Protein backbone atom coordinates (compact mmCIF):
# COMPACT_ATOMS: atom_id res chain seq x y z
CA MET A 1 -6.68 2.04 -23.10
CA GLY A 2 -6.22 5.64 -21.84
CA SER A 3 -3.30 4.73 -19.53
CA LYS A 4 -0.87 4.43 -22.41
CA LYS A 5 -0.22 8.20 -22.00
CA TYR A 6 1.59 7.55 -18.83
CA LYS A 7 5.10 6.34 -18.30
CA LYS A 8 3.86 3.65 -15.99
CA LYS A 9 0.48 2.00 -15.04
CA MET A 10 1.18 1.66 -11.37
CA ILE A 11 2.76 3.24 -8.47
CA VAL A 12 3.12 1.30 -5.30
CA PHE A 13 3.75 2.85 -1.83
CA THR A 14 4.98 0.33 0.71
CA ALA A 15 6.40 0.58 4.26
CA PRO A 16 6.20 -0.82 7.60
CA SER A 17 3.00 0.14 9.40
CA GLY A 18 3.17 3.91 10.71
CA ALA A 19 5.76 5.01 8.27
CA GLY A 20 3.39 7.36 6.61
CA LYS A 21 2.53 5.69 3.41
CA THR A 22 -1.18 6.20 3.73
CA THR A 23 -0.76 9.93 4.53
CA ILE A 24 1.52 10.28 1.31
CA VAL A 25 -1.02 8.29 -0.93
CA LYS A 26 -3.94 10.33 0.25
CA HIS A 27 -2.04 13.52 -0.51
CA LEU A 28 -1.13 12.35 -4.03
CA LEU A 29 -4.65 11.28 -4.80
CA LYS A 30 -5.92 14.64 -3.87
CA LYS A 31 -3.26 16.46 -5.96
CA TYR A 32 -3.30 14.15 -9.14
CA LYS A 33 -6.64 13.32 -10.62
CA GLN A 34 -4.90 10.76 -13.09
CA LEU A 35 -4.44 8.53 -9.96
CA SER A 36 -6.88 6.08 -8.69
CA PHE A 37 -6.66 4.07 -5.38
CA SER A 38 -6.40 0.37 -5.50
CA VAL A 39 -8.59 -0.79 -2.62
CA SER A 40 -7.25 -3.87 -0.94
CA ALA A 41 -9.22 -6.77 0.64
CA THR A 42 -8.74 -7.62 4.24
CA THR A 43 -10.16 -9.95 7.02
CA ARG A 44 -9.20 -7.47 9.65
CA PRO A 45 -11.96 -5.79 11.67
CA LYS A 46 -13.32 -2.49 10.25
CA ARG A 47 -12.33 0.55 12.37
CA ALA A 48 -15.01 3.15 13.35
CA ASN A 49 -13.76 5.60 10.71
CA GLU A 50 -13.71 3.04 7.73
CA THR A 51 -16.19 2.48 5.06
CA ASP A 52 -16.35 -0.89 3.17
CA GLY A 53 -15.16 -0.49 -0.44
CA GLN A 54 -13.35 2.78 0.36
CA GLU A 55 -10.44 1.92 2.63
CA TYR A 56 -10.65 -1.89 2.24
CA TYR A 57 -13.14 -4.39 1.06
CA PHE A 58 -13.81 -6.15 4.30
CA MET A 59 -14.39 -9.86 4.31
CA ASP A 60 -14.65 -12.72 6.72
CA LYS A 61 -11.92 -15.42 6.53
CA LYS A 62 -14.05 -17.92 4.85
CA THR A 63 -14.91 -15.49 1.94
CA PHE A 64 -11.25 -14.36 1.64
CA GLN A 65 -10.06 -18.04 1.48
CA LYS A 66 -12.71 -19.03 -0.99
CA ASN A 67 -11.33 -16.01 -3.09
CA ILE A 68 -7.83 -17.40 -2.83
CA LYS A 69 -9.01 -20.77 -4.08
CA ALA A 70 -10.73 -19.06 -6.94
CA GLY A 71 -7.66 -17.28 -8.15
CA ALA A 72 -9.41 -13.89 -7.50
CA PHE A 73 -6.24 -12.13 -6.08
CA ILE A 74 -3.15 -10.78 -7.82
CA GLU A 75 -1.43 -10.92 -4.60
CA TRP A 76 -2.34 -11.85 -0.93
CA GLU A 77 -0.72 -12.64 2.28
CA GLU A 78 -1.73 -13.69 5.77
CA VAL A 79 0.18 -10.76 7.34
CA TYR A 80 -0.81 -11.78 10.99
CA GLN A 81 -2.27 -15.06 12.11
CA GLY A 82 -5.98 -15.09 10.61
CA ARG A 83 -5.50 -11.73 9.19
CA TYR A 84 -5.32 -11.60 5.41
CA TYR A 85 -4.76 -8.79 3.00
CA GLY A 86 -4.74 -9.00 -0.69
CA THR A 87 -5.24 -7.12 -4.15
CA LEU A 88 -8.29 -8.38 -6.11
CA LYS A 89 -7.84 -8.94 -9.94
CA SER A 90 -11.18 -7.33 -10.56
CA GLU A 91 -9.99 -4.00 -8.72
CA ILE A 92 -6.92 -3.76 -11.03
CA LYS A 93 -8.98 -4.51 -14.04
CA ARG A 94 -11.63 -1.99 -13.17
CA LEU A 95 -9.04 0.85 -12.75
CA LEU A 96 -6.98 -0.03 -15.86
CA ASN A 97 -10.21 -0.03 -17.79
CA ALA A 98 -10.88 3.42 -16.59
CA GLY A 99 -7.64 4.64 -17.94
CA LYS A 100 -6.20 5.53 -14.57
CA VAL A 101 -2.81 5.07 -13.08
CA ILE A 102 -3.22 2.77 -10.16
CA ILE A 103 -1.74 3.85 -6.70
CA PHE A 104 -1.15 1.22 -4.11
CA ASP A 105 -0.74 1.46 -0.41
CA ILE A 106 0.31 -2.13 0.45
CA GLU A 107 2.81 -4.02 2.69
CA VAL A 108 6.11 -5.09 1.45
CA ILE A 109 5.45 -8.92 0.35
CA GLY A 110 2.45 -7.61 -1.67
CA ALA A 111 4.67 -4.81 -3.27
CA THR A 112 7.20 -7.32 -4.23
CA ASP A 113 4.52 -9.64 -5.77
CA ILE A 114 3.13 -6.62 -7.74
CA LYS A 115 6.51 -5.60 -8.91
CA ASN A 116 7.39 -9.06 -10.05
CA GLN A 117 4.13 -9.31 -12.05
CA PHE A 118 3.98 -5.95 -13.57
CA ARG A 119 7.75 -5.23 -13.69
CA ASP A 120 8.27 -2.14 -16.24
CA ASP A 121 4.46 -1.09 -15.73
CA CYS A 122 5.21 -0.54 -11.94
CA PHE A 123 7.21 1.89 -9.88
CA VAL A 124 7.67 0.83 -6.17
CA VAL A 125 8.50 3.36 -3.44
CA PHE A 126 9.65 2.21 0.08
CA VAL A 127 8.60 4.86 2.52
CA LYS A 128 11.30 4.74 5.34
CA PRO A 129 10.60 5.92 8.70
CA PRO A 130 13.22 8.11 10.55
CA SER A 131 14.02 5.41 13.03
CA LEU A 132 12.47 2.29 14.53
CA GLN A 133 11.82 4.22 17.88
CA LYS A 134 9.90 6.95 16.08
CA LEU A 135 7.98 4.60 14.18
CA ILE A 136 7.01 2.69 17.35
CA ARG A 137 6.04 5.95 19.02
CA ARG A 138 3.63 6.84 16.06
CA LEU A 139 1.98 3.58 16.23
CA THR A 140 1.58 3.92 19.98
CA ASP A 141 0.19 7.44 19.74
CA ARG A 142 -2.41 6.32 17.05
CA LYS A 143 -4.11 4.26 19.60
CA THR A 144 -5.80 1.97 17.01
CA GLU A 145 -4.38 -1.36 18.18
CA THR A 146 -4.47 -3.42 21.26
CA PRO A 147 -1.23 -3.95 23.25
CA GLU A 148 -1.03 -7.39 21.77
CA ASP A 149 -1.54 -6.27 18.21
CA LEU A 150 0.84 -3.61 18.69
CA LYS A 151 3.47 -6.14 19.86
CA LYS A 152 2.92 -8.26 16.70
CA ARG A 153 3.13 -5.09 14.46
CA ILE A 154 6.53 -4.15 16.01
CA GLN A 155 7.98 -7.62 15.39
CA ARG A 156 6.75 -7.48 11.76
CA ILE A 157 8.16 -4.00 11.19
CA LYS A 158 11.65 -5.25 12.18
CA LYS A 159 11.34 -7.70 9.23
CA GLU A 160 9.77 -5.12 6.89
CA LEU A 161 12.63 -2.64 7.29
CA SER A 162 15.03 -5.13 5.82
CA TYR A 163 13.21 -4.65 2.40
CA GLU A 164 14.31 -1.26 1.96
CA ASN A 165 16.63 -1.75 -0.98
CA ALA A 166 14.33 -4.23 -2.82
CA PHE A 167 12.33 -1.50 -4.60
CA ASP A 168 12.81 1.28 -7.09
CA TYR A 169 13.05 4.12 -4.64
CA VAL A 170 13.65 4.85 -0.96
CA LEU A 171 11.55 7.96 0.31
CA MET A 172 12.66 9.09 3.73
CA ASN A 173 9.67 10.35 5.88
CA ASP A 174 11.39 12.24 8.52
CA ASP A 175 9.85 15.57 7.69
CA LEU A 176 6.21 15.17 6.20
CA ASP A 177 6.31 18.41 4.09
CA LYS A 178 9.56 17.24 2.45
CA ALA A 179 8.38 13.71 1.92
CA LEU A 180 5.16 14.95 0.16
CA GLU A 181 6.99 17.24 -2.01
CA GLU A 182 9.50 14.35 -2.82
CA ALA A 183 6.51 12.09 -3.58
CA GLU A 184 5.01 14.69 -5.99
CA GLY A 185 8.40 14.67 -7.89
CA LEU A 186 8.19 10.89 -8.14
CA ILE A 187 4.80 11.06 -9.61
CA GLU A 188 5.86 13.95 -12.06
CA ASN A 189 9.08 12.43 -13.19
CA ASN A 190 8.23 8.65 -13.17
CA ILE A 191 4.54 8.39 -14.03
CA LEU A 192 3.32 11.56 -15.93
CA ASN A 193 4.84 12.83 -18.98
């Protein structure tokens, strides 16, 4: 397998919603051709700017639950009531067979599960927002959630922030340019030779 030339086979970026992990992951994917994005599956509705198989594999709840029963996921969680997210085993296998380093953009429980399963082959980065207030403002400014969904996200964020020290590295995202530069350093020092 081609991925043996790398220090790690996987790098996971995790954070509460709105902390900037997706922006960081997209930047790293553009800069490092050795990385391939692990597309998660979800039951949440597709947003207007999203494409099935690119941002997520969109599934209805029944299909997702059938995949759970079939053991098709490496990790999955019902993040909000009726809203499932997970990583398909077939996605991991496809990317590893292509000799790529897999980069994940997932929530903290999924990141914990992947770290527990892949241990030394995996490097997990927690993207820390500058403050809870700034994070709430970022989410509000995005205008992608209903007020009810936003309230649920904020409740969840408080829990997710407690995971900060559970991973390999904490990346403060107070200044995006600095955070991107630091993330590049993490790739070069912990993944590439």
